[in-house]
Protein backbone atom coordinates (compact mmCIF):
# COMPACT_ATOMS: atom_id res chain seq x y z
CA UNK A 1 231.40 165.37 66.61
CA UNK A 2 229.01 167.54 65.13
CA UNK A 3 231.58 170.22 64.20
CA UNK A 4 234.03 167.88 63.13
CA UNK A 5 231.37 166.43 60.71
CA UNK A 6 230.54 169.91 59.54
CA UNK A 7 234.24 170.55 58.73
CA UNK A 8 234.32 167.28 57.28
CA UNK A 9 231.38 168.04 54.97
CA UNK A 10 232.70 171.39 53.51
CA UNK A 11 235.82 169.60 52.18
CA UNK A 12 234.08 166.43 50.78
CA UNK A 13 231.30 168.85 49.21
CA UNK A 14 234.21 171.00 47.78
CA UNK A 15 236.17 168.33 45.81
CA UNK A 16 233.13 166.16 44.82
CA UNK A 17 231.05 169.19 43.70
CA UNK A 18 231.71 171.29 40.44
CA UNK A 19 232.54 174.91 41.41
CA UNK A 20 234.08 178.88 40.31
CA UNK A 21 235.26 182.30 40.68
CA UNK A 22 232.14 184.65 40.22
CA UNK A 23 229.90 182.13 42.70
CA UNK A 24 227.45 184.70 44.55
CA UNK A 25 225.59 183.96 47.57
CA UNK A 26 223.10 186.46 48.82
CA UNK A 27 222.73 184.91 52.42
CA UNK A 28 224.05 187.21 55.10
CA UNK A 29 226.90 185.44 56.77
CA UNK A 30 225.49 186.46 60.12
CA UNK A 31 222.19 186.38 61.75
CA UNK A 32 220.13 189.53 60.87
CA UNK A 33 219.27 191.78 63.70
CA UNK A 34 215.50 192.77 62.72
CA UNK A 35 216.00 196.29 64.47
CA UNK A 36 218.77 196.96 61.73
CA UNK A 37 218.24 197.89 57.89
CA UNK A 38 221.66 198.20 56.57
CA UNK A 39 224.95 196.03 57.11
CA UNK A 40 228.18 196.76 55.68
CA UNK A 41 231.05 193.89 55.24
CA UNK A 42 234.72 194.48 53.97
CA UNK A 43 237.70 191.93 54.03
CA UNK A 44 240.87 191.11 52.78
CA UNK A 45 241.90 187.56 51.21
CA UNK A 46 244.87 185.59 50.12
CA UNK A 47 244.00 182.94 47.41
CA UNK A 48 245.63 180.40 45.77
CA UNK A 49 244.57 179.10 42.06
CA UNK A 50 245.44 175.89 40.00
CA UNK A 51 244.04 175.25 36.50
CA UNK A 52 244.43 177.45 33.72
CA UNK A 53 246.99 179.52 35.59
CA UNK A 54 248.86 178.54 38.77
CA UNK A 55 249.12 181.73 40.82
CA UNK A 56 248.50 183.56 44.09
CA UNK A 57 246.61 186.60 44.72
CA UNK A 58 245.79 189.19 47.14
CA UNK A 59 242.27 190.73 47.06
CA UNK A 60 239.75 193.15 48.71
CA UNK A 61 236.17 192.86 48.64
CA UNK A 62 233.12 194.71 50.17
CA UNK A 63 229.43 193.87 50.49
CA UNK A 64 226.51 196.51 51.46
CA UNK A 65 223.05 194.99 52.38
CA UNK A 66 219.97 197.09 52.77
CA UNK A 67 216.43 195.96 53.94
CA UNK A 68 213.31 197.86 53.36
CA UNK A 69 209.85 196.18 54.03
CA UNK A 70 209.85 193.16 52.08
CA UNK A 71 212.86 194.43 49.74
CA UNK A 72 216.53 193.64 50.27
CA UNK A 73 218.98 195.28 48.05
CA UNK A 74 222.68 193.99 47.67
CA UNK A 75 225.67 195.36 46.40
CA UNK A 76 229.01 193.29 46.20
CA UNK A 77 232.45 193.92 44.85
CA UNK A 78 235.80 191.89 44.62
CA UNK A 79 239.00 192.83 43.30
CA UNK A 80 242.10 190.73 43.24
CA UNK A 81 245.63 191.29 42.21
CA UNK A 82 247.47 187.93 41.19
CA UNK A 83 251.10 187.24 40.94
CA UNK A 84 252.61 184.87 38.01
CA UNK A 85 256.39 184.59 37.95
CA UNK A 86 257.37 187.55 39.96
CA UNK A 87 255.14 189.61 37.81
CA UNK A 88 252.03 191.34 39.35
CA UNK A 89 248.72 192.14 37.40
CA UNK A 90 245.68 194.04 38.62
CA UNK A 91 243.45 191.63 36.95
CA UNK A 92 240.08 190.21 38.57
CA UNK A 93 237.16 192.29 39.27
CA UNK A 94 233.51 191.59 39.70
CA UNK A 95 230.80 193.83 40.71
CA UNK A 96 227.27 192.59 41.49
CA UNK A 97 223.92 194.33 42.20
CA UNK A 98 220.90 192.45 43.18
CA UNK A 99 217.20 193.38 44.12
CA UNK A 100 215.10 190.65 46.17
CA UNK A 101 211.22 190.96 46.87
CA UNK A 102 209.54 188.45 49.15
CA UNK A 103 206.47 187.53 47.30
CA UNK A 104 205.18 185.06 50.00
CA UNK A 105 206.63 183.68 53.08
CA UNK A 106 208.85 181.32 51.42
CA UNK A 107 209.17 182.63 47.69
CA UNK A 108 211.33 185.40 46.59
CA UNK A 109 211.93 187.05 43.31
CA UNK A 110 215.41 188.38 42.31
CA UNK A 111 216.78 190.92 39.48
CA UNK A 112 220.41 191.02 39.24
CA UNK A 113 223.46 192.46 37.06
CA UNK A 114 226.92 191.34 37.22
CA UNK A 115 230.18 192.80 35.69
CA UNK A 116 233.33 190.50 35.66
CA UNK A 117 236.55 190.82 34.35
CA UNK A 118 238.68 187.39 34.45
CA UNK A 119 241.81 186.94 32.51
CA UNK A 120 242.20 183.46 34.39
CA UNK A 121 239.75 182.32 31.74
CA UNK A 122 240.70 184.76 28.67
CA UNK A 123 237.88 187.17 29.93
CA UNK A 124 238.04 190.55 28.96
CA UNK A 125 234.59 191.46 30.16
CA UNK A 126 231.26 189.51 30.99
CA UNK A 127 228.15 191.14 31.71
CA UNK A 128 224.93 189.38 33.20
CA UNK A 129 221.35 190.48 33.56
CA UNK A 130 218.99 187.79 35.09
CA UNK A 131 215.89 187.08 36.74
CA UNK A 132 215.04 184.22 38.84
CA UNK A 133 212.65 182.82 41.74
CA UNK A 134 214.13 181.51 44.95
CA UNK A 135 212.39 179.09 47.52
CA UNK A 136 212.96 178.28 50.90
CA UNK A 137 212.98 174.42 50.63
CA UNK A 138 213.98 173.93 54.43
CA UNK A 139 214.50 175.75 57.80
CA UNK A 140 215.33 174.04 60.87
CA UNK A 141 216.33 174.77 64.22
CA UNK A 142 217.45 172.60 67.09
CA UNK A 143 219.92 173.00 70.31
CA UNK A 144 222.94 172.06 68.14
CA UNK A 145 222.51 174.15 64.66
CA UNK A 146 220.27 176.24 62.34
CA UNK A 147 219.92 175.08 58.92
CA UNK A 148 218.37 176.73 55.76
CA UNK A 149 218.17 175.47 52.36
CA UNK A 150 217.28 177.61 49.32
CA UNK A 151 216.65 176.44 45.64
CA UNK A 152 216.48 178.92 42.87
CA UNK A 153 215.54 178.92 38.98
CA UNK A 154 215.67 181.65 36.58
CA UNK A 155 217.33 183.06 33.21
CA UNK A 156 219.91 185.56 32.40
CA UNK A 157 221.51 187.25 29.47
CA UNK A 158 225.04 187.02 29.12
CA UNK A 159 227.28 189.13 27.13
CA UNK A 160 231.13 188.13 26.69
CA UNK A 161 234.16 189.81 25.30
CA UNK A 162 236.66 187.17 25.16
CA UNK A 163 240.58 187.63 24.20
CA UNK A 164 240.50 184.48 22.34
CA UNK A 165 237.14 184.59 20.45
CA UNK A 166 234.72 187.16 19.12
CA UNK A 167 232.12 189.05 21.19
CA UNK A 168 229.38 186.50 22.16
CA UNK A 169 225.72 186.53 23.22
CA UNK A 170 223.96 183.82 24.83
CA UNK A 171 221.01 183.26 27.01
CA UNK A 172 221.31 180.80 29.97
CA UNK A 173 219.32 179.21 32.45
CA UNK A 174 220.46 180.25 35.87
CA UNK A 175 219.78 177.59 38.76
CA UNK A 176 221.23 177.16 42.21
CA UNK A 177 221.03 175.44 45.47
CA UNK A 178 222.32 177.28 48.79
CA UNK A 179 222.56 175.17 52.10
CA UNK A 180 223.70 176.93 55.32
CA UNK A 181 224.31 175.51 58.80
CA UNK A 182 225.21 177.46 61.90
CA UNK A 183 226.38 176.13 64.97
CA UNK A 184 226.95 177.75 68.08
CA UNK A 185 226.52 181.09 66.47
CA UNK A 186 230.09 180.95 65.91
CA UNK A 187 231.01 178.24 63.26
CA UNK A 188 229.04 178.57 59.82
CA UNK A 189 229.05 176.30 57.11
CA UNK A 190 227.63 177.47 53.44
CA UNK A 191 227.47 175.14 50.07
CA UNK A 192 226.36 176.94 46.89
CA UNK A 193 226.18 175.17 43.68
CA UNK A 194 225.18 176.85 40.26
CA UNK A 195 223.99 175.15 37.10
CA UNK A 196 223.72 177.17 33.92
CA UNK A 197 223.13 175.61 30.44
CA UNK A 198 222.73 177.52 27.58
CA UNK A 199 219.06 178.11 26.41
CA UNK A 200 218.67 175.68 23.16
CA UNK A 201 221.94 174.05 23.71
CA UNK A 202 222.04 172.15 26.76
CA UNK A 203 225.55 170.51 26.05
CA UNK A 204 227.08 174.09 26.62
CA UNK A 205 226.66 174.30 30.34
CA UNK A 206 228.65 175.42 33.42
CA UNK A 207 228.84 173.84 36.75
CA UNK A 208 229.91 176.29 39.36
CA UNK A 209 230.12 175.85 43.34
CA UNK A 210 231.80 176.96 46.38
CA UNK A 211 232.13 175.32 49.93
CA UNK A 212 232.80 177.96 52.91
CA UNK A 213 233.51 177.63 56.40
CA UNK A 214 233.39 180.73 58.89
CA UNK A 215 234.51 181.08 62.37
CA UNK A 216 233.34 184.40 64.35
CA UNK A 217 236.30 185.47 66.13
CA UNK A 218 233.98 188.22 67.72
CA UNK A 219 231.00 190.46 67.24
CA UNK A 220 232.75 192.06 64.26
CA UNK A 221 235.53 189.82 63.01
CA UNK A 222 235.28 186.59 61.12
CA UNK A 223 237.57 184.07 59.49
CA UNK A 224 236.90 182.37 56.36
CA UNK A 225 237.99 179.54 54.34
CA UNK A 226 236.52 178.76 50.84
CA UNK A 227 236.89 176.40 48.22
CA UNK A 228 236.01 177.14 44.90
CA UNK A 229 235.84 175.17 41.30
CA UNK A 230 234.46 175.96 37.94
CA UNK A 231 233.58 173.65 35.37
CA UNK A 232 232.94 174.98 31.46
CA UNK A 233 231.98 172.00 29.53
CA UNK A 234 232.39 174.15 26.24
CA UNK A 235 235.02 176.73 27.18
CA UNK A 236 236.81 179.47 24.97
CA UNK A 237 239.57 178.47 22.96
CA UNK A 238 242.77 177.80 24.83
CA UNK A 239 240.94 177.61 28.37
CA UNK A 240 240.76 174.48 30.35
CA UNK A 241 237.36 173.20 31.54
CA UNK A 242 238.18 173.51 35.31
CA UNK A 243 239.70 175.75 37.73
CA UNK A 244 240.27 175.50 41.23
CA UNK A 245 240.78 178.23 43.97
CA UNK A 246 241.31 178.23 47.77
CA UNK A 247 240.76 181.27 49.57
CA UNK A 248 241.49 182.68 53.32
CA UNK A 249 240.02 185.76 54.46
CA UNK A 250 239.46 188.06 57.31
CA UNK A 251 236.20 189.95 57.14
CA UNK A 252 235.01 192.90 59.38
CA UNK A 253 231.10 193.19 59.54
CA UNK A 254 229.23 196.00 61.12
């Protein structure tokens, strides 16, 4: 019953929340071994997208986590080649760098840089530079599952080069909520939602979210199913407000 409720919850969250490409979760997708300081993860994925462009895509991604004392360093990269009307494009690319510092038992500071190229939304290039503070809101364990919830708030500088408009520079508040549930050390559900209003113009906001279900096949292989959705209240000219993406992937972690 608990596992069934977790799976049902993923799909309800995905379709009732607003979410996107470019959503980043910094939580490890597996329990951390205190004796290890470095983790590497790579994977291949198949995605189906609806919204601005109906397409399918194959992609590769990797992630590196390094821990040193109270510091946590993260490097992520994601590249996808989509197929539209029998034509292939090497298009979507995202690279994300983040430094996390533990300030207290439940409080963390975060510095991040992100570079993204996303033709799905007429985005030639987007660069993000941000600072945020993350707080552990809940950590609960029992014999059935482990639950953790984090909330964060901060600000970022956004530099955009669009194919449909002049280059743009904006400051946005960057707020997110991240919930993670692990059951039986094999099943995992992760939910993350971002709210990013523009400083001085709250009507220009984005809502981003992802619901992800993972199953650990063994100590190294993991199957993932995620549903992402993006809502931009004031999108560029010629771009729809919402995009939905469904992604299946196999990850190798070591």
